[in-house]
N, C-alpha and C. Protein backbone atom coordinates (compact mmCIF):
# COMPACT_ATOMS: atom_id res chain seq x y z
N UNK A 1 84.03 -16.37 -19.55
CA UNK A 1 84.75 -16.03 -18.34
C UNK A 1 84.07 -16.74 -17.16
N UNK A 2 84.85 -17.42 -16.37
CA UNK A 2 84.34 -18.15 -15.22
C UNK A 2 83.99 -17.21 -14.08
N UNK A 3 82.82 -17.44 -13.52
CA UNK A 3 82.34 -16.66 -12.38
C UNK A 3 82.20 -17.57 -11.17
N UNK A 4 82.39 -17.00 -9.98
CA UNK A 4 82.19 -17.75 -8.74
C UNK A 4 80.73 -17.57 -8.32
N UNK A 5 80.02 -18.70 -8.27
CA UNK A 5 78.59 -18.68 -7.96
C UNK A 5 78.34 -19.56 -6.74
N UNK A 6 77.63 -19.01 -5.78
CA UNK A 6 77.23 -19.76 -4.59
C UNK A 6 75.72 -19.93 -4.61
N UNK A 7 75.28 -21.18 -4.52
CA UNK A 7 73.86 -21.49 -4.41
C UNK A 7 73.60 -21.73 -2.93
N UNK A 8 72.59 -21.04 -2.38
CA UNK A 8 72.24 -21.21 -0.97
C UNK A 8 70.83 -21.80 -0.90
N UNK A 9 70.69 -22.80 -0.07
CA UNK A 9 69.37 -23.39 0.13
C UNK A 9 69.12 -23.52 1.63
N UNK A 10 67.90 -23.14 2.04
CA UNK A 10 67.54 -23.27 3.44
C UNK A 10 66.16 -23.90 3.62
N UNK A 11 65.66 -24.55 2.56
CA UNK A 11 64.35 -25.20 2.61
C UNK A 11 64.50 -26.65 3.03
N UNK A 12 63.46 -27.18 3.63
CA UNK A 12 63.50 -28.60 3.98
C UNK A 12 63.51 -29.42 2.69
N UNK A 13 64.00 -30.65 2.75
CA UNK A 13 64.21 -31.43 1.53
C UNK A 13 63.00 -31.58 0.61
N UNK A 14 61.81 -31.60 1.18
CA UNK A 14 60.64 -31.85 0.34
C UNK A 14 59.65 -30.70 0.36
N UNK A 15 60.15 -29.49 0.62
CA UNK A 15 59.33 -28.28 0.65
C UNK A 15 59.28 -27.67 -0.75
N UNK A 16 58.20 -27.95 -1.46
CA UNK A 16 58.03 -27.42 -2.82
C UNK A 16 59.22 -27.72 -3.74
N UNK A 17 59.99 -28.70 -3.41
CA UNK A 17 61.10 -29.16 -4.23
C UNK A 17 62.13 -28.06 -4.51
N UNK A 18 62.29 -27.13 -3.57
CA UNK A 18 63.27 -26.06 -3.77
C UNK A 18 64.69 -26.60 -3.81
N UNK A 19 64.96 -27.67 -3.08
CA UNK A 19 66.31 -28.25 -3.15
C UNK A 19 66.53 -28.86 -4.53
N UNK A 20 65.52 -29.49 -5.06
CA UNK A 20 65.65 -30.04 -6.42
C UNK A 20 65.91 -28.92 -7.43
N UNK A 21 65.19 -27.81 -7.30
CA UNK A 21 65.41 -26.68 -8.19
C UNK A 21 66.82 -26.11 -8.00
N UNK A 22 67.29 -26.05 -6.77
CA UNK A 22 68.66 -25.59 -6.50
C UNK A 22 69.69 -26.53 -7.12
N UNK A 23 69.43 -27.82 -7.03
CA UNK A 23 70.31 -28.82 -7.64
C UNK A 23 70.37 -28.61 -9.15
N UNK A 24 69.22 -28.46 -9.77
CA UNK A 24 69.19 -28.23 -11.22
C UNK A 24 69.96 -26.98 -11.59
N UNK A 25 69.80 -25.92 -10.80
CA UNK A 25 70.49 -24.67 -11.08
C UNK A 25 72.01 -24.85 -10.94
N UNK A 26 72.44 -25.51 -9.89
CA UNK A 26 73.87 -25.74 -9.69
C UNK A 26 74.46 -26.52 -10.86
N UNK A 27 73.74 -27.52 -11.33
CA UNK A 27 74.24 -28.33 -12.45
C UNK A 27 74.26 -27.53 -13.75
N UNK A 28 73.29 -26.66 -13.94
CA UNK A 28 73.28 -25.82 -15.15
C UNK A 28 74.47 -24.86 -15.14
N UNK A 29 74.71 -24.21 -13.99
CA UNK A 29 75.86 -23.30 -13.91
C UNK A 29 77.16 -24.06 -14.14
N UNK A 30 77.27 -25.24 -13.56
CA UNK A 30 78.48 -26.04 -13.72
C UNK A 30 78.66 -26.48 -15.17
N UNK A 31 77.56 -26.76 -15.86
CA UNK A 31 77.63 -27.20 -17.25
C UNK A 31 78.19 -26.12 -18.17
N UNK A 32 78.07 -24.86 -17.76
CA UNK A 32 78.63 -23.77 -18.57
C UNK A 32 79.92 -23.24 -17.94
N UNK A 33 80.62 -24.15 -17.28
CA UNK A 33 81.97 -23.90 -16.76
C UNK A 33 82.07 -22.76 -15.75
N UNK A 34 81.11 -22.66 -14.86
CA UNK A 34 81.20 -21.70 -13.78
C UNK A 34 81.72 -22.42 -12.53
N UNK A 35 82.31 -21.68 -11.63
CA UNK A 35 82.82 -22.25 -10.37
C UNK A 35 81.68 -22.20 -9.35
N UNK A 36 81.04 -23.35 -9.14
CA UNK A 36 79.83 -23.42 -8.35
C UNK A 36 80.10 -24.05 -6.99
N UNK A 37 79.59 -23.42 -5.95
CA UNK A 37 79.60 -23.96 -4.59
C UNK A 37 78.15 -23.98 -4.11
N UNK A 38 77.90 -24.77 -3.07
CA UNK A 38 76.52 -24.87 -2.56
C UNK A 38 76.56 -24.87 -1.05
N UNK A 39 75.74 -24.02 -0.46
CA UNK A 39 75.65 -23.91 0.99
C UNK A 39 74.27 -24.35 1.45
N UNK A 40 74.25 -25.35 2.33
CA UNK A 40 73.01 -25.84 2.92
C UNK A 40 72.89 -25.23 4.31
N UNK A 41 71.76 -24.56 4.56
CA UNK A 41 71.49 -23.96 5.86
C UNK A 41 70.12 -24.42 6.34
N UNK A 42 69.87 -24.22 7.63
CA UNK A 42 68.56 -24.57 8.18
C UNK A 42 68.20 -26.02 7.88
N UNK A 43 66.90 -26.28 7.65
CA UNK A 43 66.46 -27.65 7.45
C UNK A 43 66.96 -28.29 6.15
N UNK A 44 67.56 -27.51 5.27
CA UNK A 44 68.07 -28.11 4.03
C UNK A 44 69.18 -29.11 4.30
N UNK A 45 69.86 -29.01 5.46
CA UNK A 45 70.92 -29.98 5.77
C UNK A 45 70.36 -31.40 5.84
N UNK A 46 69.07 -31.52 6.08
CA UNK A 46 68.45 -32.85 6.15
C UNK A 46 68.52 -33.58 4.80
N UNK A 47 68.62 -32.83 3.71
CA UNK A 47 68.73 -33.44 2.38
C UNK A 47 70.04 -34.18 2.20
N UNK A 48 71.03 -33.84 3.01
CA UNK A 48 72.36 -34.44 2.87
C UNK A 48 72.50 -35.76 3.63
N UNK A 49 71.53 -36.08 4.45
CA UNK A 49 71.61 -37.27 5.30
C UNK A 49 71.57 -38.54 4.46
N UNK A 50 72.39 -39.52 4.84
CA UNK A 50 72.45 -40.80 4.16
C UNK A 50 71.13 -41.55 4.27
N UNK A 51 70.92 -42.45 3.33
CA UNK A 51 69.86 -43.46 3.38
C UNK A 51 68.45 -42.90 3.46
N UNK A 52 68.20 -41.81 2.77
CA UNK A 52 66.83 -41.28 2.73
C UNK A 52 66.04 -42.04 1.66
N UNK A 53 64.74 -42.09 1.83
CA UNK A 53 63.89 -42.82 0.90
C UNK A 53 62.68 -41.98 0.50
N UNK A 54 62.87 -40.96 -0.32
CA UNK A 54 61.76 -40.11 -0.72
C UNK A 54 60.68 -40.85 -1.50
N UNK A 55 61.03 -41.96 -2.12
CA UNK A 55 60.02 -42.71 -2.87
C UNK A 55 58.91 -43.21 -1.96
N UNK A 56 59.20 -43.40 -0.69
CA UNK A 56 58.16 -43.81 0.26
C UNK A 56 57.14 -42.70 0.49
N UNK A 57 57.52 -41.47 0.13
CA UNK A 57 56.60 -40.33 0.23
C UNK A 57 55.92 -40.06 -1.11
N UNK A 58 56.23 -40.91 -2.10
CA UNK A 58 55.68 -40.72 -3.43
C UNK A 58 56.41 -39.68 -4.24
N UNK A 59 57.66 -39.40 -3.87
CA UNK A 59 58.48 -38.39 -4.53
C UNK A 59 59.65 -39.08 -5.22
N UNK A 60 59.95 -38.63 -6.43
CA UNK A 60 61.11 -39.16 -7.14
C UNK A 60 62.38 -38.88 -6.33
N UNK A 61 63.28 -39.84 -6.28
CA UNK A 61 64.50 -39.71 -5.48
C UNK A 61 65.55 -38.87 -6.20
N UNK A 62 65.39 -37.56 -6.11
CA UNK A 62 66.37 -36.65 -6.71
C UNK A 62 67.60 -36.49 -5.82
N UNK A 63 67.51 -36.90 -4.55
CA UNK A 63 68.62 -36.73 -3.62
C UNK A 63 69.84 -37.56 -4.03
N UNK A 64 69.61 -38.67 -4.73
CA UNK A 64 70.76 -39.48 -5.17
C UNK A 64 71.62 -38.71 -6.18
N UNK A 65 71.04 -37.69 -6.81
CA UNK A 65 71.82 -36.87 -7.75
C UNK A 65 72.87 -36.03 -7.03
N UNK A 66 72.70 -35.82 -5.73
CA UNK A 66 73.71 -35.08 -4.98
C UNK A 66 75.08 -35.74 -5.11
N UNK A 67 75.07 -37.06 -5.23
CA UNK A 67 76.34 -37.78 -5.35
C UNK A 67 77.03 -37.53 -6.69
N UNK A 68 76.31 -36.98 -7.66
CA UNK A 68 76.91 -36.72 -8.97
C UNK A 68 77.51 -35.32 -9.06
N UNK A 69 77.34 -34.51 -8.04
CA UNK A 69 77.83 -33.13 -8.10
C UNK A 69 79.32 -33.06 -8.40
N UNK A 70 80.08 -33.95 -7.81
CA UNK A 70 81.53 -33.93 -8.02
C UNK A 70 81.89 -34.15 -9.49
N UNK A 71 81.13 -34.98 -10.18
CA UNK A 71 81.36 -35.23 -11.60
C UNK A 71 81.26 -33.94 -12.41
N UNK A 72 80.36 -33.06 -11.97
CA UNK A 72 80.14 -31.78 -12.65
C UNK A 72 80.99 -30.66 -12.07
N UNK A 73 81.99 -31.02 -11.28
CA UNK A 73 82.90 -30.06 -10.66
C UNK A 73 82.22 -29.13 -9.66
N UNK A 74 81.14 -29.58 -9.07
CA UNK A 74 80.54 -28.88 -7.93
C UNK A 74 81.02 -29.65 -6.71
N UNK A 75 82.25 -29.37 -6.32
CA UNK A 75 82.87 -30.18 -5.28
C UNK A 75 83.06 -29.44 -3.95
N UNK A 76 82.53 -28.23 -3.87
CA UNK A 76 82.58 -27.49 -2.61
C UNK A 76 81.16 -27.37 -2.09
N UNK A 77 80.82 -28.29 -1.21
CA UNK A 77 79.49 -28.32 -0.61
C UNK A 77 79.66 -27.98 0.87
N UNK A 78 78.93 -26.97 1.30
CA UNK A 78 79.05 -26.48 2.66
C UNK A 78 77.75 -26.73 3.42
N UNK A 79 77.89 -26.91 4.73
CA UNK A 79 76.73 -27.05 5.60
C UNK A 79 76.92 -26.16 6.82
N UNK A 80 75.83 -25.57 7.24
CA UNK A 80 75.82 -24.69 8.40
C UNK A 80 76.01 -25.51 9.68
N UNK A 81 77.00 -25.12 10.46
CA UNK A 81 77.32 -25.82 11.70
C UNK A 81 76.14 -25.84 12.66
N UNK A 82 75.47 -24.72 12.84
CA UNK A 82 74.36 -24.68 13.80
C UNK A 82 73.16 -25.48 13.31
N UNK A 83 72.94 -25.54 11.99
CA UNK A 83 71.84 -26.36 11.46
C UNK A 83 72.12 -27.85 11.69
N UNK A 84 73.36 -28.25 11.50
CA UNK A 84 73.71 -29.65 11.77
C UNK A 84 73.47 -29.97 13.24
N UNK A 85 73.87 -29.06 14.11
CA UNK A 85 73.67 -29.27 15.55
C UNK A 85 72.18 -29.31 15.89
N UNK A 86 71.41 -28.43 15.28
CA UNK A 86 69.97 -28.37 15.54
C UNK A 86 69.29 -29.70 15.23
N UNK A 87 69.74 -30.38 14.18
CA UNK A 87 69.13 -31.64 13.77
C UNK A 87 69.95 -32.85 14.22
N UNK A 88 70.91 -32.61 15.12
CA UNK A 88 71.76 -33.67 15.69
C UNK A 88 72.41 -34.51 14.60
N UNK A 89 73.00 -33.83 13.63
CA UNK A 89 73.68 -34.49 12.52
C UNK A 89 75.18 -34.23 12.59
N UNK A 90 75.93 -35.21 12.14
CA UNK A 90 77.39 -35.09 12.07
C UNK A 90 77.82 -35.27 10.62
N UNK A 91 78.95 -34.72 10.23
CA UNK A 91 79.42 -34.87 8.85
C UNK A 91 79.50 -36.32 8.38
N UNK A 92 79.77 -37.24 9.30
CA UNK A 92 79.87 -38.65 8.93
C UNK A 92 78.52 -39.24 8.51
N UNK A 93 77.44 -38.59 8.86
CA UNK A 93 76.10 -39.07 8.53
C UNK A 93 75.62 -38.56 7.16
N UNK A 94 76.43 -37.77 6.49
CA UNK A 94 76.03 -37.18 5.23
C UNK A 94 76.33 -38.12 4.06
N UNK A 95 75.55 -38.01 3.02
CA UNK A 95 75.71 -38.87 1.84
C UNK A 95 76.85 -38.41 0.94
N UNK A 96 77.30 -37.17 1.13
CA UNK A 96 78.42 -36.63 0.36
C UNK A 96 79.36 -35.90 1.31
N UNK A 97 80.57 -35.62 0.83
CA UNK A 97 81.53 -34.88 1.64
C UNK A 97 81.10 -33.41 1.73
N UNK A 98 81.14 -32.89 2.94
CA UNK A 98 80.76 -31.49 3.16
C UNK A 98 81.84 -30.79 3.96
N UNK A 99 81.83 -29.48 3.87
CA UNK A 99 82.65 -28.64 4.72
C UNK A 99 81.69 -27.91 5.66
N UNK A 100 81.93 -28.00 6.95
CA UNK A 100 81.06 -27.38 7.94
C UNK A 100 81.56 -25.96 8.22
N UNK A 101 80.64 -25.00 8.16
CA UNK A 101 81.00 -23.60 8.38
C UNK A 101 80.16 -22.99 9.50
N UNK A 102 80.82 -22.20 10.34
CA UNK A 102 80.07 -21.43 11.33
C UNK A 102 79.56 -20.15 10.65
N UNK A 103 78.85 -19.34 11.38
CA UNK A 103 78.22 -18.14 10.80
C UNK A 103 79.25 -17.19 10.19
N UNK A 104 80.34 -16.95 10.89
CA UNK A 104 81.35 -16.02 10.35
C UNK A 104 82.02 -16.59 9.09
N UNK A 105 82.22 -17.89 9.04
CA UNK A 105 82.79 -18.51 7.85
C UNK A 105 81.82 -18.44 6.67
N UNK A 106 80.52 -18.57 6.96
CA UNK A 106 79.52 -18.45 5.90
C UNK A 106 79.53 -17.04 5.31
N UNK A 107 79.61 -16.06 6.20
CA UNK A 107 79.66 -14.66 5.74
C UNK A 107 80.89 -14.42 4.87
N UNK A 108 82.03 -14.95 5.30
CA UNK A 108 83.26 -14.80 4.52
C UNK A 108 83.13 -15.49 3.15
N UNK A 109 82.50 -16.66 3.13
CA UNK A 109 82.28 -17.36 1.87
C UNK A 109 81.42 -16.52 0.93
N UNK A 110 80.33 -16.01 1.45
CA UNK A 110 79.42 -15.20 0.63
C UNK A 110 80.15 -13.97 0.08
N UNK A 111 80.99 -13.37 0.90
CA UNK A 111 81.73 -12.17 0.48
C UNK A 111 82.72 -12.44 -0.66
N UNK A 112 83.14 -13.69 -0.83
CA UNK A 112 84.11 -14.01 -1.88
C UNK A 112 83.46 -14.39 -3.21
N UNK A 113 82.13 -14.46 -3.24
CA UNK A 113 81.43 -14.89 -4.45
C UNK A 113 81.08 -13.71 -5.34
N UNK A 114 81.05 -13.97 -6.64
CA UNK A 114 80.60 -12.93 -7.57
C UNK A 114 79.07 -12.90 -7.65
N UNK A 115 78.46 -14.08 -7.53
CA UNK A 115 77.01 -14.19 -7.55
C UNK A 115 76.56 -15.13 -6.46
N UNK A 116 75.46 -14.77 -5.79
CA UNK A 116 74.85 -15.62 -4.78
C UNK A 116 73.40 -15.80 -5.18
N UNK A 117 72.98 -17.06 -5.27
CA UNK A 117 71.63 -17.38 -5.72
C UNK A 117 70.94 -18.15 -4.62
N UNK A 118 69.74 -17.71 -4.26
CA UNK A 118 68.98 -18.41 -3.23
C UNK A 118 67.55 -18.57 -3.73
N UNK A 119 67.08 -19.80 -3.70
CA UNK A 119 65.69 -20.06 -4.08
C UNK A 119 64.81 -20.12 -2.87
């Protein structure tokens, strides 16, 4: 039976690799035919920015895997409107297509999920 699962991340892109762990979790849920969405809040929106080069920090470039989410049917990626504004980012600067949500829209999204997972 398919469940609606929302993965929420609010860690910066290279903070203990929590975004990488969230990515792995989203892909695992999707692999077992769950309806997976992902919400980026706070500094995690920085992971969505185009043309990042984590290898210069000595970190494997797991961010390029974000582009494969659609292949796994994780095609609803959300970003917090205020976090984008805080970091002066626009949807056009993102490496993947996102839906921008304000606080009330985020709450409504969370209310419609069967499971919410936050690392």
